[in-house]
Amino acid sequence: MSKRPSSNSKGFIPPSSTSKHAKTTFSLVDMLAEITKLEKPEDIEKRALKLREDVIKEWNKGKNRDMKRVEIYLEAAKVLLTKLRYLPLSISPEAVESDMLVARDILEIGARFSVAKTESTSDPEGIKEFERYISQLKHYYFDMKKCVKKPSVHMYEILGMNLLNLLSQNKMANFHMELELFHPNVEEVLQNPYIKKAVEIEQCITEGQYNKIYELQKAKPEDLKSVGLTSPGFKYFVDHLESTLREHTIGIADTIGAAYTKLPMHCAMQLLNLNDSNKMANIIRAQNWVVKEGHIYFQTKKDNSDEIPAEELLKNALMYADEMDTIV
């Protein structure tokens, strides 16, 4: 029987080189047990710095990163960050900023990790996790500027992903509310490729220029990198705008069906800003349109409830006019 590997001084079980799961054979329970024992501020800060270093090092391995290890680091960080000192009057501004930078860096990894996890597992809970990280990070980005003076190199990437996440859920009002956070430096911020592209996508959705979005979804990674869009997470949200585009397309389709009795197929596709026959076929099925000899026949039903009671309105208007004459 092989001997069980002994724990090191920090309570971790060192990975075995022969183990199939060597990358992730260390315990979150042991990490949490160690963290809960920390009481001195200097010990807590030292451990936080080490944890930040570990999670960044693992995350920066790219495709070779161990996602389970990153997740364990982040789970431990959630507990450790509650022990960091924030803004007590007895602490110097430098010490406060140091702690906040540690927290911000870890939260940024968490936000990017949650998107990567969602992409690899298709678990919708990952997006909710991403939104929780965003709600925390916005305090560091906007509310604590005076305390955290060192800018984040990932801020606009993460906020750009947040804007696209709102677009993917068709939350247009929330999208514009988020843009207001950049006031009064909106023009400057719009020069950033992530924010700029998110705004361009919103304009394309509003104007019905869906072809531009479809082209962006088909763009190669090197084409996106050439315009500064290097984030895989940003591309993930671009690829998941389908539900919003579908909602807007159906809205236009309803309008077309109410305005026309029939249209040539190519004209209907132009009005819907579609050049994909498969997408057009899906719309036709969803709307129960009939296609004959290259034309689309729209199934229109007259709804008497929408008729304007002109005679009644005219009588009321005349009555109000008589009453006004009496008052004068």
Protein backbone atom coordinates (compact mmCIF):
# COMPACT_ATOMS: atom_id res chain seq x y z
CA MET A 1 0.00 0.00 0.00
CA SER A 2 1.37 3.38 -0.97
CA LYS A 3 1.96 5.88 1.78
CA ARG A 4 -0.29 8.89 2.02
CA PRO A 5 1.64 12.07 1.20
CA SER A 6 2.36 14.14 4.27
CA SER A 7 1.03 17.67 4.70
CA ASN A 8 3.40 20.59 4.49
CA SER A 9 3.68 23.37 7.09
CA LYS A 10 0.75 25.27 5.59
CA GLY A 11 -1.63 22.36 5.76
CA PHE A 12 -1.65 21.56 2.01
CA ILE A 13 -1.26 18.03 0.64
CA PRO A 14 1.53 18.21 -1.96
CA PRO A 15 0.53 16.81 -5.34
CA SER A 16 1.94 13.43 -6.31
CA SER A 17 3.80 13.32 -9.60
CA THR A 18 2.24 9.97 -10.39
CA SER A 19 -1.32 10.94 -9.58
CA LYS A 20 -3.78 11.27 -12.43
CA HIS A 21 -5.24 14.34 -10.68
CA ALA A 22 -1.90 15.80 -9.59
CA LYS A 23 -2.93 19.30 -10.55
CA THR A 24 -5.79 19.60 -8.08
CA THR A 25 -4.87 17.32 -5.18
CA PHE A 26 -4.81 20.02 -2.54
CA SER A 27 -7.59 20.72 -0.12
CA LEU A 28 -9.85 23.76 0.16
CA VAL A 29 -10.73 22.56 3.66
CA ASP A 30 -7.08 22.78 4.70
CA MET A 31 -6.73 26.24 3.19
CA LEU A 32 -9.81 27.50 5.01
CA ALA A 33 -8.64 25.95 8.27
CA GLU A 34 -5.35 27.83 7.93
CA ILE A 35 -7.05 31.12 7.02
CA THR A 36 -9.49 31.05 9.94
CA LYS A 37 -6.57 30.78 12.35
CA LEU A 38 -4.99 34.01 11.10
CA GLU A 39 -5.55 36.94 13.46
CA LYS A 40 -2.67 39.40 13.16
CA PRO A 41 -3.19 41.98 10.37
CA GLU A 42 0.35 41.46 9.06
CA ASP A 43 -0.19 37.69 8.82
CA ILE A 44 -3.52 38.16 7.04
CA GLU A 45 -2.00 40.60 4.55
CA LYS A 46 0.98 38.32 3.93
CA ARG A 47 -1.34 35.38 3.23
CA ALA A 48 -3.53 37.52 0.98
CA LEU A 49 -0.52 38.61 -1.07
CA LYS A 50 0.54 34.97 -1.44
CA LEU A 51 -2.96 33.91 -2.45
CA ARG A 52 -3.14 36.68 -5.05
CA GLU A 53 0.23 35.59 -6.42
CA ASP A 54 -0.91 31.96 -6.60
CA VAL A 55 -4.23 32.60 -8.33
CA ILE A 56 -2.70 35.03 -10.86
CA LYS A 57 0.13 32.60 -11.61
CA GLU A 58 -2.32 29.77 -12.26
CA TRP A 59 -4.71 31.94 -14.28
CA ASN A 60 -1.92 33.25 -16.49
CA LYS A 61 -1.15 29.72 -17.70
CA GLY A 62 -3.91 30.25 -20.24
CA LYS A 63 -5.14 27.03 -21.83
CA ASN A 64 -2.89 25.03 -19.51
CA ARG A 65 -4.44 26.45 -16.34
CA ASP A 66 -6.08 24.12 -13.85
CA MET A 67 -9.62 25.49 -13.54
CA LYS A 68 -10.31 23.48 -10.38
CA ARG A 69 -7.23 24.92 -8.70
CA VAL A 70 -8.27 28.46 -9.67
CA GLU A 71 -11.73 27.83 -8.24
CA ILE A 72 -10.28 26.60 -4.94
CA TYR A 73 -8.06 29.66 -4.68
CA LEU A 74 -11.05 31.91 -5.29
CA GLU A 75 -13.22 30.13 -2.74
CA ALA A 76 -10.46 30.54 -0.15
CA ALA A 77 -10.04 34.19 -1.15
CA LYS A 78 -13.71 34.93 -0.41
CA VAL A 79 -13.06 34.05 3.22
CA LEU A 80 -9.65 35.69 3.43
CA LEU A 81 -10.84 39.01 1.97
CA THR A 82 -13.31 39.39 4.81
CA LYS A 83 -10.34 39.53 7.18
CA LEU A 84 -8.48 42.30 5.36
CA ARG A 85 -8.51 45.73 6.97
CA TYR A 86 -10.57 48.38 5.18
CA LEU A 87 -10.42 52.04 6.04
CA PRO A 88 -9.93 52.06 9.85
CA LEU A 89 -8.62 55.48 10.83
CA SER A 90 -5.55 53.99 12.50
CA ILE A 91 -4.28 52.51 9.22
CA SER A 92 -2.24 54.49 6.73
CA PRO A 93 -3.69 55.23 3.26
CA GLU A 94 -0.85 53.20 1.74
CA ALA A 95 -1.82 50.12 3.74
CA VAL A 96 -5.48 50.55 2.83
CA GLU A 97 -4.65 50.84 -0.87
CA SER A 98 -2.43 47.75 -0.68
CA ASP A 99 -5.28 45.69 0.77
CA MET A 100 -7.73 47.03 -1.77
CA LEU A 101 -5.42 46.23 -4.66
CA VAL A 102 -5.15 42.66 -3.43
CA ALA A 103 -8.94 42.39 -3.23
CA ARG A 104 -9.47 44.03 -6.63
CA ASP A 105 -6.97 41.76 -8.38
CA ILE A 106 -8.54 38.62 -6.93
CA LEU A 107 -12.08 39.78 -7.79
CA GLU A 108 -10.99 40.48 -11.37
CA ILE A 109 -9.67 36.95 -11.71
CA GLY A 110 -12.97 35.76 -10.27
CA ALA A 111 -15.00 37.69 -12.86
CA ARG A 112 -12.94 36.39 -15.78
CA PHE A 113 -12.92 32.88 -14.33
CA SER A 114 -16.72 32.78 -14.01
CA VAL A 115 -17.09 33.55 -17.73
CA ALA A 116 -14.49 30.94 -18.70
CA LYS A 117 -16.24 28.38 -16.50
CA THR A 118 -19.59 29.17 -18.09
CA GLU A 119 -18.10 28.82 -21.56
CA SER A 120 -16.59 25.41 -20.79
CA THR A 121 -19.52 23.95 -18.81
CA SER A 122 -22.53 25.88 -20.21
CA ASP A 123 -23.66 26.38 -16.61
CA PRO A 124 -25.88 29.51 -16.44
CA GLU A 125 -24.96 29.90 -12.76
CA GLY A 126 -21.56 31.11 -13.96
CA ILE A 127 -23.11 34.29 -15.36
CA LYS A 128 -24.85 35.01 -12.06
CA GLU A 129 -21.48 34.57 -10.39
CA PHE A 130 -19.96 36.97 -12.92
CA GLU A 131 -22.63 39.54 -12.08
CA ARG A 132 -21.85 39.23 -8.36
CA TYR A 133 -18.17 39.88 -9.05
CA ILE A 134 -19.12 42.90 -11.18
CA SER A 135 -21.23 44.39 -8.39
CA GLN A 136 -18.22 44.23 -6.08
CA LEU A 137 -15.67 45.43 -8.61
CA LYS A 138 -17.66 48.57 -9.46
CA HIS A 139 -17.00 49.81 -5.91
CA TYR A 140 -13.27 49.64 -6.57
CA TYR A 141 -13.55 51.12 -10.07
CA PHE A 142 -15.85 54.02 -9.28
CA ASP A 143 -16.53 54.51 -5.56
CA MET A 144 -13.00 54.10 -4.22
CA LYS A 145 -10.94 56.01 -6.77
CA LYS A 146 -9.38 58.18 -4.08
CA CYS A 147 -8.23 55.12 -2.12
CA VAL A 148 -7.16 52.97 -5.08
CA LYS A 149 -5.11 55.24 -7.32
CA LYS A 150 -3.35 52.53 -9.32
CA PRO A 151 -5.47 51.89 -12.45
CA SER A 152 -6.50 48.37 -13.40
CA VAL A 153 -5.31 47.03 -16.75
CA HIS A 154 -8.38 44.75 -16.88
CA MET A 155 -11.07 47.25 -15.88
CA TYR A 156 -12.40 48.10 -19.34
CA GLU A 157 -12.22 44.50 -20.49
CA ILE A 158 -14.39 43.41 -17.54
CA LEU A 159 -16.78 46.37 -17.81
CA GLY A 160 -17.05 45.75 -21.54
CA MET A 161 -18.06 42.16 -20.79
CA ASN A 162 -20.62 43.48 -18.34
CA LEU A 163 -22.12 45.73 -21.03
CA LEU A 164 -22.37 42.82 -23.45
CA ASN A 165 -23.92 40.65 -20.76
CA LEU A 166 -26.67 43.25 -20.38
CA LEU A 167 -27.18 43.35 -24.15
CA SER A 168 -27.35 39.55 -24.29
CA GLN A 169 -30.27 39.76 -21.83
CA ASN A 170 -31.89 42.64 -23.75
CA LYS A 171 -31.50 44.96 -20.73
CA MET A 172 -31.11 48.14 -22.74
CA ALA A 173 -32.02 50.52 -19.91
CA ASN A 174 -29.44 48.92 -17.63
CA PHE A 175 -26.88 49.19 -20.43
CA HIS A 176 -27.29 52.96 -20.61
CA MET A 177 -27.27 53.27 -16.83
CA GLU A 178 -23.90 51.52 -16.78
CA LEU A 179 -22.54 53.95 -19.36
CA GLU A 180 -23.54 56.82 -17.07
CA LEU A 181 -20.97 55.55 -14.56
CA PHE A 182 -18.24 56.83 -16.89
CA HIS A 183 -19.49 60.41 -16.67
CA PRO A 184 -17.89 62.91 -17.13
CA ASN A 185 -15.15 61.00 -18.99
CA VAL A 186 -17.45 59.22 -21.44
CA GLU A 187 -15.72 60.46 -24.58
CA GLU A 188 -12.34 59.34 -23.30
CA VAL A 189 -13.65 55.95 -22.18
CA LEU A 190 -15.28 55.34 -25.57
CA GLN A 191 -11.80 55.25 -27.08
CA ASN A 192 -11.19 51.95 -25.32
CA PRO A 193 -11.82 49.09 -27.78
CA TYR A 194 -13.95 47.04 -25.37
CA ILE A 195 -16.31 49.86 -24.44
CA LYS A 196 -16.35 51.23 -27.97
CA LYS A 197 -17.28 47.87 -29.47
CA ALA A 198 -20.02 47.28 -26.88
CA VAL A 199 -21.57 50.67 -27.75
CA GLU A 200 -21.31 49.91 -31.48
CA ILE A 201 -23.08 46.58 -30.94
CA GLU A 202 -25.88 48.31 -29.02
CA GLN A 203 -26.30 50.78 -31.89
CA CYS A 204 -26.44 47.90 -34.39
CA ILE A 205 -29.18 46.22 -32.35
CA THR A 206 -31.16 49.46 -32.03
CA GLU A 207 -30.86 50.22 -35.76
CA GLY A 208 -31.54 46.63 -36.82
CA GLN A 209 -28.11 46.17 -38.42
CA TYR A 210 -27.85 42.56 -37.30
CA ASN A 211 -25.59 41.55 -40.18
CA LYS A 212 -22.73 43.51 -38.61
CA ILE A 213 -23.14 41.53 -35.40
CA TYR A 214 -23.28 38.23 -37.29
CA GLU A 215 -20.06 39.20 -39.05
CA LEU A 216 -18.44 39.99 -35.70
CA GLN A 217 -19.50 36.58 -34.40
CA LYS A 218 -17.79 34.92 -37.36
CA ALA A 219 -14.61 37.00 -37.01
CA LYS A 220 -11.36 35.12 -36.43
CA PRO A 221 -9.46 35.63 -33.14
CA GLU A 222 -6.57 37.31 -34.94
CA ASP A 223 -8.97 39.83 -36.52
CA LEU A 224 -10.34 40.74 -33.09
CA LYS A 225 -6.85 41.01 -31.61
CA SER A 226 -5.87 43.44 -34.37
CA VAL A 227 -8.44 45.94 -33.02
CA GLY A 228 -7.55 45.36 -29.36
CA LEU A 229 -10.21 42.77 -28.48
CA THR A 230 -7.97 40.08 -27.01
CA SER A 231 -10.32 38.83 -24.29
CA PRO A 232 -11.89 35.36 -24.84
CA GLY A 233 -14.61 36.34 -22.38
CA PHE A 234 -15.60 39.36 -24.49
CA LYS A 235 -15.94 37.10 -27.54
CA TYR A 236 -18.08 34.71 -25.50
CA PHE A 237 -20.68 37.41 -24.87
CA VAL A 238 -20.59 38.52 -28.51
CA ASP A 239 -21.41 34.94 -29.52
CA HIS A 240 -24.32 34.84 -27.06
CA LEU A 241 -26.30 37.82 -28.34
CA GLU A 242 -28.63 35.48 -30.22
CA SER A 243 -31.57 35.74 -27.82
CA THR A 244 -31.57 39.55 -27.98
CA LEU A 245 -31.27 39.57 -31.76
CA ARG A 246 -34.09 37.04 -31.96
CA GLU A 247 -36.37 39.21 -29.81
CA HIS A 248 -35.70 42.30 -31.89
CA THR A 249 -36.09 40.39 -35.16
CA ILE A 250 -39.45 38.98 -34.04
CA GLY A 251 -40.55 42.51 -33.13
CA ILE A 252 -39.73 43.70 -36.65
CA ALA A 253 -41.40 40.61 -38.11
CA ASP A 254 -44.62 41.42 -36.21
CA THR A 255 -44.57 44.92 -37.67
CA ILE A 256 -44.01 43.63 -41.20
CA GLY A 257 -46.83 41.14 -40.82
CA ALA A 258 -49.18 43.93 -39.74
CA ALA A 259 -48.12 46.30 -42.53
CA TYR A 260 -48.20 43.96 -45.55
CA THR A 261 -50.34 41.14 -46.88
CA LYS A 262 -47.47 39.67 -48.90
CA LEU A 263 -43.87 40.40 -49.86
CA PRO A 264 -41.20 38.83 -52.08
CA MET A 265 -38.85 36.70 -50.00
CA HIS A 266 -35.80 38.88 -50.74
CA CYS A 267 -37.68 42.04 -49.69
CA ALA A 268 -38.71 40.51 -46.39
CA MET A 269 -35.11 39.46 -45.73
CA GLN A 270 -33.92 43.00 -46.44
CA LEU A 271 -36.47 44.44 -44.02
CA LEU A 272 -35.31 41.98 -41.36
CA ASN A 273 -31.64 42.67 -42.14
CA LEU A 274 -31.02 38.99 -42.72
CA ASN A 275 -28.81 37.32 -45.29
CA ASP A 276 -29.00 33.86 -43.75
CA SER A 277 -31.71 31.63 -45.26
CA ASN A 278 -31.72 29.37 -42.19
CA LYS A 279 -32.44 32.28 -39.85
CA MET A 280 -35.16 33.44 -42.23
CA ALA A 281 -36.71 29.98 -42.25
CA ASN A 282 -36.82 30.03 -38.44
CA ILE A 283 -38.65 33.38 -38.46
CA ILE A 284 -41.15 32.10 -41.03
CA ARG A 285 -41.93 29.06 -38.88
CA ALA A 286 -42.20 31.12 -35.69
CA GLN A 287 -44.59 33.64 -37.34
CA ASN A 288 -46.64 30.97 -39.17
CA TRP A 289 -46.11 32.74 -42.49
CA VAL A 290 -46.94 30.99 -45.75
CA VAL A 291 -44.39 30.84 -48.58
CA LYS A 292 -45.62 30.41 -52.16
CA GLU A 293 -43.69 30.95 -55.40
CA GLY A 294 -40.99 33.08 -53.77
CA HIS A 295 -43.45 35.26 -51.85
CA ILE A 296 -44.34 35.37 -48.17
CA TYR A 297 -48.05 35.65 -47.30
CA PHE A 298 -48.65 37.07 -43.86
CA GLN A 299 -51.39 35.67 -41.67
CA THR A 300 -53.24 38.85 -40.68
CA LYS A 301 -56.29 38.91 -38.45
CA LYS A 302 -58.38 41.98 -37.95
CA ASP A 303 -58.70 42.84 -34.28
CA ASN A 304 -61.76 44.99 -33.71
CA SER A 305 -60.56 45.81 -30.20
CA ASP A 306 -57.86 48.04 -31.72
CA GLU A 307 -60.33 50.15 -33.75
CA ILE A 308 -60.57 53.82 -32.79
CA PRO A 309 -64.14 54.82 -31.81
CA ALA A 310 -64.08 57.93 -34.02
CA GLU A 311 -67.76 58.87 -33.61
CA GLU A 312 -67.62 58.65 -29.82
CA LEU A 313 -64.40 60.67 -29.68
CA LEU A 314 -65.96 63.35 -31.91
CA LYS A 315 -69.03 63.63 -29.66
CA ASN A 316 -66.83 63.99 -26.58
CA ALA A 317 -64.72 66.66 -28.29
CA LEU A 318 -67.83 68.67 -29.22
CA MET A 319 -69.17 68.35 -25.67
CA TYR A 320 -65.89 69.65 -24.23
CA ALA A 321 -65.95 72.54 -26.71
CA ASP A 322 -69.48 73.52 -25.61
CA GLU A 323 -68.45 73.39 -21.97
CA MET A 324 -65.42 75.59 -22.66
CA ASP A 325 -67.67 78.14 -24.41
CA THR A 326 -69.96 78.15 -21.39
CA ILE A 327 -67.02 78.76 -19.03
CA VAL A 328 -65.67 81.60 -21.16
